């Protein structure tokens, strides 16, 4: 990006709420059902029908407001957002406009340069989803209205984001929070989490905002990052060439790595918002607010701080382990069965997460129970097996679904700690490799690793590494004298 300019970015994130029924009727919200089967006269907007608000929609949205430091307004009002589109049979969308349920919040993100950034949240409001137009079936467009009326929560940021990295981090934090709160599964590929980006540029130091464009159709975090970078560079090129940025909506094409114009950008008045005449204002009194607050779980940042304090973990470890609440829970169950907290962290971050990523499974489907992993860690700590042997035992625990102790006994993998036996092996290795002994005696200490490798190979990896190192150094130092 040209150093003369800075980007001003705001994100609008739509999160599909995990309610069993739709926002204003009893139809199912289940994804993947037969097209146009999850519908009724209410969500299709037939004449004479009346919407009834789903209480869970209010509670889930208020939870997100609490988690993002928002003010929860005791009174909020539903509005009709009027526009015409093939997949919106009512001709309007029930949303909130002037009086949303949550306002004036923020979340903190930390960049790769360890810079903490506070991203403001203008509002979080409730609304219903539209249907879906399907354009990839030849020359015709098909419409599936199953999604009509599915409850959404829209999270609108302040224009505080300056880079695509910050946008990625902000979106990641939103995803993490909705999953911790169990209010959205945040699956961008299925459309349950969607993001639109409002982007403008200005000369560094200027206060006035430039003309913004909106970029849509980004179905992954990386595509959000790529689309923002593309649009920033496009706007800079226009300005540098003496042209002006036009306010418009662009569609991101991930295959071509470019954004194409969709339509001129609407203003709020184009939607002709007005209070929905069929829905009463939502009043969240103190008792209801207290009930909602009681369901607020330990949030990611609080959990991360507790992990560093209670388990003496580095900040990096705590951050990785708390990215996912189920992984954090798994770690705590392991830590309840061993006091080697750092080893537990290492095994989960390196070995367990590797399996989850390779197999594309959740931690709930991981075959090694937390207690079993703790058992493996304890065997290493007690000196029963070496770390090298543990790496051989771990895959067997997965494939055979047996505890580590049982596998170690069956395979005769117990660590050798007999000093006499190890001393004999060390002597044999030194006798065979006299030239390497001479290298050590000439001051090349790194050759120690060569000897240790040979000893471990001869003992099948079973020799206790601490005893090996002690005896090896004693014998080599004796030769110096």
Protein backbone atom coordinates (compact mmCIF):
# COMPACT_ATOMS: atom_id res chain seq x y z
CA UNK A 1 0.00 0.00 0.00
CA UNK A 2 1.22 3.50 -0.87
CA UNK A 3 2.60 5.06 2.33
CA UNK A 4 0.87 8.37 1.56
CA UNK A 5 -2.53 6.86 2.29
CA UNK A 6 -4.33 5.08 5.07
CA UNK A 7 -7.40 2.90 4.78
CA UNK A 8 -10.56 3.43 6.80
CA UNK A 9 -12.47 0.17 7.16
CA UNK A 10 -15.69 -0.80 8.87
CA UNK A 11 -17.12 -4.32 8.94
CA UNK A 12 -20.75 -5.41 9.00
CA UNK A 13 -20.93 -8.97 10.29
CA UNK A 14 -24.10 -11.03 10.08
CA UNK A 15 -24.25 -14.01 12.44
CA UNK A 16 -27.02 -16.56 12.02
CA UNK A 17 -28.33 -17.40 15.48
CA UNK A 18 -28.56 -21.00 16.69
CA UNK A 19 -32.25 -21.03 17.49
CA UNK A 20 -34.37 -24.05 16.58
CA UNK A 21 -37.12 -21.92 15.05
CA UNK A 22 -37.12 -18.75 12.98
CA UNK A 23 -37.22 -15.18 14.29
CA UNK A 24 -40.96 -14.57 13.92
CA UNK A 25 -42.56 -17.96 13.25
CA UNK A 26 -42.22 -21.62 14.23
CA UNK A 27 -40.49 -22.87 11.07
CA UNK A 28 -37.29 -24.88 11.44
CA UNK A 29 -33.91 -23.19 10.92
CA UNK A 30 -32.14 -26.46 10.04
CA UNK A 31 -29.57 -26.05 7.29
CA UNK A 32 -29.55 -28.35 4.27
CA UNK A 33 -33.24 -29.30 4.19
CA UNK A 34 -35.06 -29.66 0.87
CA UNK A 35 -35.35 -26.23 -0.83
CA UNK A 36 -38.49 -24.27 0.03
CA UNK A 37 -39.58 -26.74 2.72
CA UNK A 38 -38.88 -24.71 5.90
CA UNK A 39 -41.55 -22.13 5.14
CA UNK A 40 -45.00 -20.95 6.25
CA UNK A 41 -47.31 -18.01 5.50
CA UNK A 42 -45.57 -15.85 8.15
CA UNK A 43 -42.01 -16.07 6.80
CA UNK A 44 -43.34 -15.81 3.24
CA UNK A 45 -45.22 -12.63 4.14
CA UNK A 46 -48.72 -13.72 3.10
CA UNK A 47 -51.53 -11.20 3.66
CA UNK A 48 -53.08 -11.17 7.13
CA UNK A 49 -50.29 -12.97 8.98
CA UNK A 50 -48.68 -11.60 12.14
CA UNK A 51 -45.08 -12.16 13.29
CA UNK A 52 -44.36 -13.29 16.86
CA UNK A 53 -40.86 -12.59 18.23
CA UNK A 54 -38.66 -15.53 19.27
CA UNK A 55 -37.49 -14.76 22.82
CA UNK A 56 -34.14 -16.53 22.23
CA UNK A 57 -33.25 -14.02 19.52
CA UNK A 58 -33.34 -11.22 22.09
CA UNK A 59 -31.36 -13.21 24.66
CA UNK A 60 -28.66 -14.34 22.22
CA UNK A 61 -28.16 -10.82 20.84
CA UNK A 62 -28.00 -9.31 24.33
CA UNK A 63 -25.37 -11.92 25.30
CA UNK A 64 -23.21 -10.79 22.40
CA UNK A 65 -23.72 -7.20 23.50
CA UNK A 66 -22.47 -8.03 26.98
CA UNK A 67 -19.48 -9.91 25.58
CA UNK A 68 -18.49 -6.89 23.47
CA UNK A 69 -18.87 -4.21 26.18
CA UNK A 70 -22.06 -2.77 24.67
CA UNK A 71 -24.85 -0.89 26.39
CA UNK A 72 -27.99 -3.04 26.32
CA UNK A 73 -30.86 -0.69 25.67
CA UNK A 74 -33.92 -1.34 27.85
CA UNK A 75 -36.12 -0.46 24.85
CA UNK A 76 -35.48 -1.35 21.22
CA UNK A 77 -37.75 -1.18 18.18
CA UNK A 78 -38.14 -3.32 15.07
CA UNK A 79 -38.27 -1.59 11.70
CA UNK A 80 -39.11 -2.58 8.16
CA UNK A 81 -36.28 -2.28 5.67
CA UNK A 82 -37.94 -2.09 2.28
CA UNK A 83 -36.32 -3.41 -0.88
CA UNK A 84 -37.27 -5.71 -3.73
CA UNK A 85 -35.29 -8.80 -4.56
CA UNK A 86 -36.33 -12.23 -5.91
CA UNK A 87 -35.44 -14.04 -2.67
CA UNK A 88 -37.33 -11.60 -0.42
CA UNK A 89 -41.01 -12.53 -0.95
CA UNK A 90 -42.32 -9.98 1.59
CA UNK A 91 -40.66 -7.07 -0.19
CA UNK A 92 -39.20 -5.96 3.15
CA UNK A 93 -36.92 -7.29 5.88
CA UNK A 94 -37.69 -6.97 9.59
CA UNK A 95 -34.64 -5.34 11.16
CA UNK A 96 -33.78 -2.59 13.65
CA UNK A 97 -32.78 0.93 12.71
CA UNK A 98 -32.96 3.95 15.02
CA UNK A 99 -33.35 2.02 18.27
CA UNK A 100 -31.21 -1.16 18.22
CA UNK A 101 -30.84 -3.45 21.21
CA UNK A 102 -27.04 -2.99 21.69
CA UNK A 103 -24.82 0.06 21.15
CA UNK A 104 -21.41 1.62 21.84
CA UNK A 105 -19.22 -1.42 22.50
CA UNK A 106 -15.72 -2.52 21.56
CA UNK A 107 -13.37 -5.46 21.29
CA UNK A 108 -9.58 -5.53 21.63
CA UNK A 109 -7.32 -7.24 19.10
CA UNK A 110 -3.56 -7.69 19.14
CA UNK A 111 -1.60 -7.41 15.90
CA UNK A 112 1.43 -9.46 14.88
CA UNK A 113 3.55 -6.52 16.01
CA UNK A 114 2.09 -6.92 19.55
CA UNK A 115 0.15 -3.69 19.15
CA UNK A 116 -3.19 -3.67 20.98
CA UNK A 117 -6.03 -2.09 18.99
CA UNK A 118 -9.49 -1.24 20.29
CA UNK A 119 -12.13 -1.61 17.56
CA UNK A 120 -15.37 0.17 18.36
CA UNK A 121 -18.78 -1.40 17.79
CA UNK A 122 -21.47 1.04 16.71
CA UNK A 123 -24.40 -1.30 17.23
CA UNK A 124 -25.61 -4.87 17.35
CA UNK A 125 -29.16 -5.41 16.24
CA UNK A 126 -31.64 -8.18 15.53
CA UNK A 127 -33.08 -8.90 12.10
CA UNK A 128 -34.34 -11.71 9.89
CA UNK A 129 -32.49 -13.21 6.95
CA UNK A 130 -33.60 -13.13 3.33
CA UNK A 131 -33.73 -16.19 1.08
CA UNK A 132 -31.04 -17.32 -1.31
CA UNK A 133 -30.76 -16.89 -5.07
CA UNK A 134 -28.88 -19.73 -6.79
CA UNK A 135 -27.13 -18.71 -10.02
CA UNK A 136 -24.98 -21.76 -10.82
CA UNK A 137 -27.65 -23.99 -12.43
CA UNK A 138 -27.23 -23.04 -16.07
CA UNK A 139 -29.01 -20.04 -17.57
CA UNK A 140 -31.73 -19.85 -14.92
CA UNK A 141 -31.77 -18.47 -11.39
CA UNK A 142 -33.42 -20.57 -8.68
CA UNK A 143 -34.75 -19.22 -5.41
CA UNK A 144 -34.67 -21.09 -2.07
CA UNK A 145 -36.69 -19.30 0.62
CA UNK A 146 -35.81 -21.68 3.48
CA UNK A 147 -33.53 -19.00 4.89
CA UNK A 148 -36.28 -16.34 4.94
CA UNK A 149 -36.98 -15.41 8.55
CA UNK A 150 -33.92 -17.18 10.01
CA UNK A 151 -32.73 -14.96 12.89
CA UNK A 152 -29.66 -12.84 12.37
CA UNK A 153 -27.58 -10.61 14.57
CA UNK A 154 -25.81 -7.80 12.73
CA UNK A 155 -22.63 -6.44 14.32
CA UNK A 156 -21.59 -3.07 12.88
CA UNK A 157 -18.10 -1.83 13.70
CA UNK A 158 -16.92 1.75 13.89
CA UNK A 159 -14.59 2.72 11.00
CA UNK A 160 -11.63 2.05 13.31
CA UNK A 161 -9.94 -0.66 11.26
CA UNK A 162 -6.89 0.44 9.28
CA UNK A 163 -5.48 -2.75 7.72
CA UNK A 164 -6.62 -6.08 6.35
CA UNK A 165 -4.74 -7.75 9.22
CA UNK A 166 -6.83 -5.85 11.79
CA UNK A 167 -9.99 -6.80 9.89
CA UNK A 168 -8.96 -10.47 9.99
CA UNK A 169 -8.23 -10.30 13.72
CA UNK A 170 -11.50 -8.50 14.46
CA UNK A 171 -13.50 -11.04 12.48
CA UNK A 172 -11.64 -13.90 14.20
CA UNK A 173 -12.54 -12.42 17.59
CA UNK A 174 -16.20 -12.13 16.59
CA UNK A 175 -16.19 -15.78 15.50
CA UNK A 176 -14.52 -16.85 18.74
CA UNK A 177 -17.04 -14.95 20.88
CA UNK A 178 -20.18 -16.27 19.16
CA UNK A 179 -18.83 -19.82 19.48
CA UNK A 180 -17.97 -19.34 23.16
CA UNK A 181 -21.49 -18.02 23.72
CA UNK A 182 -22.97 -20.97 21.74
CA UNK A 183 -25.17 -18.59 19.76
CA UNK A 184 -23.75 -19.19 16.25
CA UNK A 185 -21.65 -21.95 14.69
CA UNK A 186 -19.82 -19.31 12.58
CA UNK A 187 -19.57 -21.47 9.46
CA UNK A 188 -18.76 -19.01 6.67
CA UNK A 189 -19.02 -21.69 3.96
CA UNK A 190 -22.63 -22.42 4.95
CA UNK A 191 -23.37 -18.71 5.31
CA UNK A 192 -24.01 -18.69 9.06
CA UNK A 193 -21.34 -15.98 9.42
CA UNK A 194 -21.14 -13.37 6.68
CA UNK A 195 -19.09 -10.21 6.40
CA UNK A 196 -19.38 -7.06 4.28
CA UNK A 197 -16.56 -4.51 4.30
CA UNK A 198 -16.94 -0.73 3.89
CA UNK A 199 -13.64 0.64 2.62
CA UNK A 200 -12.30 4.11 1.88
CA UNK A 201 -8.88 5.74 1.71
CA UNK A 202 -7.51 9.12 2.69
CA UNK A 203 -4.16 10.85 2.94
CA UNK A 204 -2.43 10.13 6.23
CA UNK A 205 -3.21 12.84 8.76
CA UNK A 206 -6.50 13.83 7.17
CA UNK A 207 -9.65 13.71 9.29
CA UNK A 208 -12.25 13.78 6.54
CA UNK A 209 -13.42 10.40 5.31
CA UNK A 210 -13.08 9.44 1.66
CA UNK A 211 -15.78 7.95 -0.55
CA UNK A 212 -16.49 4.41 0.59
CA UNK A 213 -17.33 1.28 -1.31
CA UNK A 214 -18.90 -1.89 0.06
CA UNK A 215 -17.44 -5.30 -0.78
CA UNK A 216 -19.65 -8.39 -0.45
CA UNK A 217 -19.51 -12.13 -1.17
CA UNK A 218 -16.46 -13.03 0.92
CA UNK A 219 -16.86 -16.59 2.18
CA UNK A 220 -13.69 -17.01 4.24
CA UNK A 221 -11.48 -14.97 6.54
CA UNK A 222 -8.66 -15.07 3.99
CA UNK A 223 -10.98 -13.81 1.27
CA UNK A 224 -11.96 -10.90 3.51
CA UNK A 225 -8.27 -10.07 3.86
CA UNK A 226 -7.58 -10.42 0.15
CA UNK A 227 -10.66 -8.43 -0.89
CA UNK A 228 -9.78 -5.54 1.43
CA UNK A 229 -6.20 -5.38 0.10
CA UNK A 230 -7.49 -5.45 -3.47
CA UNK A 231 -9.99 -2.65 -2.89
CA UNK A 232 -7.48 -0.45 -1.06
CA UNK A 233 -5.03 -0.73 -3.95
CA UNK A 234 -7.81 -0.13 -6.52
CA UNK A 235 -8.91 3.07 -4.79
CA UNK A 236 -5.31 4.33 -4.47
CA UNK A 237 -4.72 3.70 -8.18
CA UNK A 238 -7.86 5.66 -9.06
CA UNK A 239 -6.87 8.64 -6.92
CA UNK A 240 -3.26 8.60 -8.12
CA UNK A 241 -4.49 8.64 -11.72
CA UNK A 242 -6.69 11.67 -11.09
CA UNK A 243 -9.95 9.69 -11.08
CA UNK A 244 -12.55 9.59 -8.33
CA UNK A 245 -13.86 6.69 -6.25
CA UNK A 246 -17.56 6.02 -6.88
CA UNK A 247 -19.77 4.90 -4.01
CA UNK A 248 -20.93 1.45 -5.03
CA UNK A 249 -21.36 -2.16 -3.94
CA UNK A 250 -18.78 -4.63 -5.25
CA UNK A 251 -18.87 -8.43 -5.38
CA UNK A 252 -15.65 -10.26 -4.56
CA UNK A 253 -14.60 -12.92 -7.08
CA UNK A 254 -12.21 -15.25 -5.24
CA UNK A 255 -11.30 -17.18 -8.42
CA UNK A 256 -10.12 -14.05 -10.24
CA UNK A 257 -8.92 -12.28 -7.09
CA UNK A 258 -10.85 -9.14 -8.00
CA UNK A 259 -14.02 -7.24 -7.10
CA UNK A 260 -16.65 -6.33 -9.69
CA UNK A 261 -19.33 -3.64 -9.51
CA UNK A 262 -22.79 -4.91 -8.51
CA UNK A 263 -24.84 -1.73 -8.02
CA UNK A 264 -24.60 1.85 -6.81
CA UNK A 265 -24.44 1.95 -3.03
CA UNK A 266 -27.75 2.62 -1.30
CA UNK A 267 -28.20 5.12 1.49
CA UNK A 268 -30.40 4.44 4.51
CA UNK A 269 -33.24 6.55 3.08
CA UNK A 270 -33.34 4.31 0.00
CA UNK A 271 -34.68 1.52 2.21
CA UNK A 272 -37.57 3.70 3.51
CA UNK A 273 -37.20 2.44 7.07
CA UNK A 274 -40.21 2.77 9.36
CA UNK A 275 -41.22 1.07 12.65
CA UNK A 276 -42.82 -2.31 12.04
CA UNK A 277 -46.54 -1.87 12.80
CA UNK A 278 -46.98 -5.56 13.69
CA UNK A 279 -44.30 -5.78 16.38
CA UNK A 280 -44.28 -4.08 19.79
CA UNK A 281 -41.08 -2.49 21.12
CA UNK A 282 -38.79 -4.92 22.98
CA UNK A 283 -38.44 -4.08 26.69
CA UNK A 284 -35.54 -5.74 28.52
CA UNK A 285 -36.20 -5.08 32.22
CA UNK A 286 -33.67 -5.51 35.03
CA UNK A 287 -34.82 -9.03 35.94
CA UNK A 288 -34.62 -10.27 32.37
CA UNK A 289 -31.22 -8.62 31.98
CA UNK A 290 -30.00 -10.35 35.14
CA UNK A 291 -31.23 -13.71 33.80
CA UNK A 292 -29.39 -13.13 30.51
CA UNK A 293 -26.21 -12.04 32.30
CA UNK A 294 -26.27 -15.21 34.40
CA UNK A 295 -25.78 -17.21 31.17
CA UNK A 296 -22.61 -15.34 30.22
CA UNK A 297 -19.72 -17.87 30.24
CA UNK A 298 -16.07 -17.18 30.96
CA UNK A 299 -14.94 -15.23 27.88
CA UNK A 300 -11.78 -15.99 25.87
CA UNK A 301 -9.62 -13.14 27.22
CA UNK A 302 -10.55 -13.94 30.81
CA UNK A 303 -9.85 -17.63 30.24
CA UNK A 304 -6.47 -16.82 28.64
CA UNK A 305 -5.47 -14.68 31.64
CA UNK A 306 -6.53 -17.44 34.04
CA UNK A 307 -4.50 -20.04 32.11
CA UNK A 308 -1.33 -17.94 32.41
CA UNK A 309 -1.96 -17.34 36.12
CA UNK A 310 -3.19 -20.76 37.26
CA UNK A 311 -1.06 -23.00 35.04
CA UNK A 312 2.01 -20.73 34.61
CA UNK A 313 1.69 -21.01 30.84
CA UNK A 314 3.31 -18.59 28.39
CA UNK A 315 0.88 -16.12 26.83
CA UNK A 316 1.39 -17.81 23.45
CA UNK A 317 0.28 -21.19 24.81
CA UNK A 318 -2.73 -19.74 26.61
CA UNK A 319 -3.79 -17.91 23.45
CA UNK A 320 -3.65 -21.08 21.31
CA UNK A 321 -5.45 -23.23 23.90
CA UNK A 322 -8.30 -20.76 24.42
CA UNK A 323 -9.03 -20.10 20.75
CA UNK A 324 -11.66 -22.83 20.99
CA UNK A 325 -13.69 -23.40 24.15
CA UNK A 326 -13.84 -27.21 23.66
CA UNK A 327 -10.04 -27.34 23.30
CA UNK A 328 -9.66 -25.17 26.42
CA UNK A 329 -11.99 -27.53 28.31
CA UNK A 330 -9.96 -30.53 27.09
CA UNK A 331 -6.75 -28.93 28.37
CA UNK A 332 -8.26 -28.27 31.80
CA UNK A 333 -9.34 -31.91 32.07
CA UNK A 334 -5.79 -33.01 31.23
CA UNK A 335 -4.37 -30.52 33.75
CA UNK A 336 -6.68 -31.93 36.43
CA UNK A 337 -4.85 -35.29 36.12
CA UNK A 338 -1.24 -34.09 35.91
CA UNK A 339 0.74 -31.23 37.39
CA UNK A 340 3.05 -30.99 34.37
CA UNK A 341 0.98 -28.18 32.87
CA UNK A 342 3.52 -27.10 30.26
CA UNK A 343 3.92 -30.61 28.87
CA UNK A 344 0.15 -30.90 28.68
CA UNK A 345 0.07 -27.66 26.71
CA UNK A 346 2.81 -28.86 24.35
CA UNK A 347 1.11 -32.17 23.62
CA UNK A 348 -2.21 -30.51 22.84
CA UNK A 349 -0.78 -27.66 20.75
CA UNK A 350 1.56 -29.89 18.71
CA UNK A 351 0.20 -33.43 18.63
CA UNK A 352 -3.54 -33.19 19.34
CA UNK A 353 -4.25 -30.12 17.18
CA UNK A 354 -2.22 -31.67 14.35
CA UNK A 355 -4.55 -34.70 14.35
CA UNK A 356 -7.64 -32.49 14.50
CA UNK A 357 -6.46 -30.46 11.50
CA UNK A 358 -5.37 -33.46 9.44
CA UNK A 359 -8.52 -35.46 10.11
CA UNK A 360 -10.78 -32.36 10.03
CA UNK A 361 -12.47 -33.42 13.27
CA UNK A 362 -13.51 -31.62 16.44
CA UNK A 363 -11.92 -32.25 19.82
CA UNK A 364 -15.15 -33.99 20.86
CA UNK A 365 -14.37 -36.67 18.24
CA UNK A 366 -10.74 -37.10 19.31
CA UNK A 367 -10.34 -40.73 20.52
CA UNK A 368 -7.82 -40.07 23.33
CA UNK A 369 -9.60 -39.02 26.51
CA UNK A 370 -8.02 -36.18 28.53
CA UNK A 371 -7.29 -38.60 31.39
CA UNK A 372 -5.43 -40.91 28.99
CA UNK A 373 -3.26 -38.11 27.64
CA UNK A 374 -2.47 -37.06 31.20
CA UNK A 375 -1.49 -40.69 31.88
CA UNK A 376 1.02 -40.57 29.03
CA UNK A 377 2.47 -37.30 30.31
CA UNK A 378 2.81 -38.76 33.81
CA UNK A 379 4.70 -41.80 32.48
CA UNK A 380 7.28 -39.45 30.97
CA UNK A 381 7.51 -37.36 34.12
CA UNK A 382 7.99 -40.45 36.32
CA UNK A 383 10.75 -41.72 34.04
CA UNK A 384 8.77 -44.83 33.08
CA UNK A 385 9.17 -44.00 29.37
CA UNK A 386 11.21 -41.45 27.43
CA UNK A 387 9.76 -38.60 25.40
CA UNK A 388 10.86 -40.42 22.23
CA UNK A 389 8.99 -43.57 23.24
CA UNK A 390 5.95 -41.44 24.12
CA UNK A 391 5.84 -40.22 20.51
CA UNK A 392 5.58 -43.88 19.44
CA UNK A 393 2.94 -44.68 22.06
CA UNK A 394 0.67 -41.73 21.22
CA UNK A 395 -0.45 -42.94 17.74
CA UNK A 396 -1.05 -46.41 19.20
CA UNK A 397 -3.34 -44.84 21.81
CA UNK A 398 -5.35 -43.39 18.94
CA UNK A 399 -5.47 -46.49 16.75
CA UNK A 400 -5.90 -49.10 19.49
CA UNK A 401 -7.98 -46.98 21.88
CA UNK A 402 -5.94 -48.13 24.87
CA UNK A 403 -4.32 -46.20 27.74
CA UNK A 404 -0.59 -45.48 27.50
CA UNK A 405 0.36 -47.68 30.46
CA UNK A 406 -1.25 -50.75 28.88
CA UNK A 407 0.50 -50.16 25.52
CA UNK A 408 3.88 -49.64 27.20
CA UNK A 409 3.60 -52.99 29.03
CA UNK A 410 2.33 -54.87 25.96
CA UNK A 411 5.10 -53.54 23.69
CA UNK A 412 7.83 -53.76 26.36
CA UNK A 413 8.62 -50.06 26.01
CA UNK A 414 9.61 -49.36 29.62
CA UNK A 415 12.50 -46.92 29.90
CA UNK A 416 15.87 -48.39 30.83
CA UNK A 417 17.28 -46.66 33.91
CA UNK A 418 19.78 -49.34 34.92
CA UNK A 419 23.05 -47.39 35.28
CA UNK A 420 25.18 -50.49 34.85
CA UNK A 421 23.54 -51.46 31.55
CA UNK A 422 23.70 -47.90 30.21
CA UNK A 423 27.36 -47.56 31.24
CA UNK A 424 28.17 -50.71 29.28
CA UNK A 425 26.47 -49.37 26.14
CA UNK A 426 28.24 -46.00 26.49
CA UNK A 427 31.63 -47.71 26.73
CA UNK A 428 30.89 -49.78 23.62
CA UNK A 429 29.87 -46.69 21.60
CA UNK A 430 32.97 -44.72 22.65
CA UNK A 431 35.22 -47.65 21.75
CA UNK A 432 33.73 -47.96 18.25
CA UNK A 433 33.84 -44.22 17.47
CA UNK A 434 37.34 -43.22 18.55
CA UNK A 435 37.66 -40.45 15.91
CA UNK A 436 34.56 -38.70 17.32
CA UNK A 437 36.04 -39.07 20.81
CA UNK A 438 39.14 -37.26 19.57
CA UNK A 439 36.92 -34.48 18.17
CA UNK A 440 35.33 -34.02 21.59
CA UNK A 441 38.69 -33.98 23.30
CA UNK A 442 39.81 -31.25 20.86
CA UNK A 443 36.98 -29.03 22.06
CA UNK A 444 34.09 -29.89 19.74
CA UNK A 445 31.34 -30.28 22.36
CA UNK A 446 28.58 -30.65 19.76
CA UNK A 447 29.70 -34.21 19.06
CA UNK A 448 27.89 -35.15 22.31
CA UNK A 449 24.67 -35.24 20.28
CA UNK A 450 26.19 -37.80 17.94
CA UNK A 451 27.02 -40.12 20.84
CA UNK A 452 23.59 -39.73 22.45
CA UNK A 453 21.92 -40.63 19.14
CA UNK A 454 24.02 -43.80 18.79
CA UNK A 455 23.32 -44.85 22.39
CA UNK A 456 19.58 -44.29 22.04
CA UNK A 457 19.55 -46.25 18.79
CA UNK A 458 21.37 -49.20 20.36
CA UNK A 459 18.91 -49.26 23.29
CA UNK A 460 15.87 -48.96 21.04
CA UNK A 461 15.18 -45.48 22.38
CA UNK A 462 14.54 -46.90 25.85
CA UNK A 463 17.57 -45.55 27.70
CA UNK A 464 16.86 -42.80 30.21
CA UNK A 465 18.24 -39.64 28.49
CA UNK A 466 19.27 -37.99 31.78
CA UNK A 467 21.30 -41.02 32.87
CA UNK A 468 22.79 -41.38 29.37
CA UNK A 469 23.99 -37.77 29.37
CA UNK A 470 25.41 -38.03 32.89
CA UNK A 471 27.40 -41.22 32.27
CA UNK A 472 28.55 -40.10 28.80
CA UNK A 473 29.92 -36.79 30.06
CA UNK A 474 31.60 -38.46 33.03
CA UNK A 475 33.42 -40.94 30.75
CA UNK A 476 34.44 -38.30 28.19
CA UNK A 477 35.67 -35.90 30.87
CA UNK A 478 37.68 -38.71 32.45
CA UNK A 479 39.45 -39.18 29.10
CA UNK A 480 40.43 -35.49 29.13
CA UNK A 481 42.33 -36.03 32.32
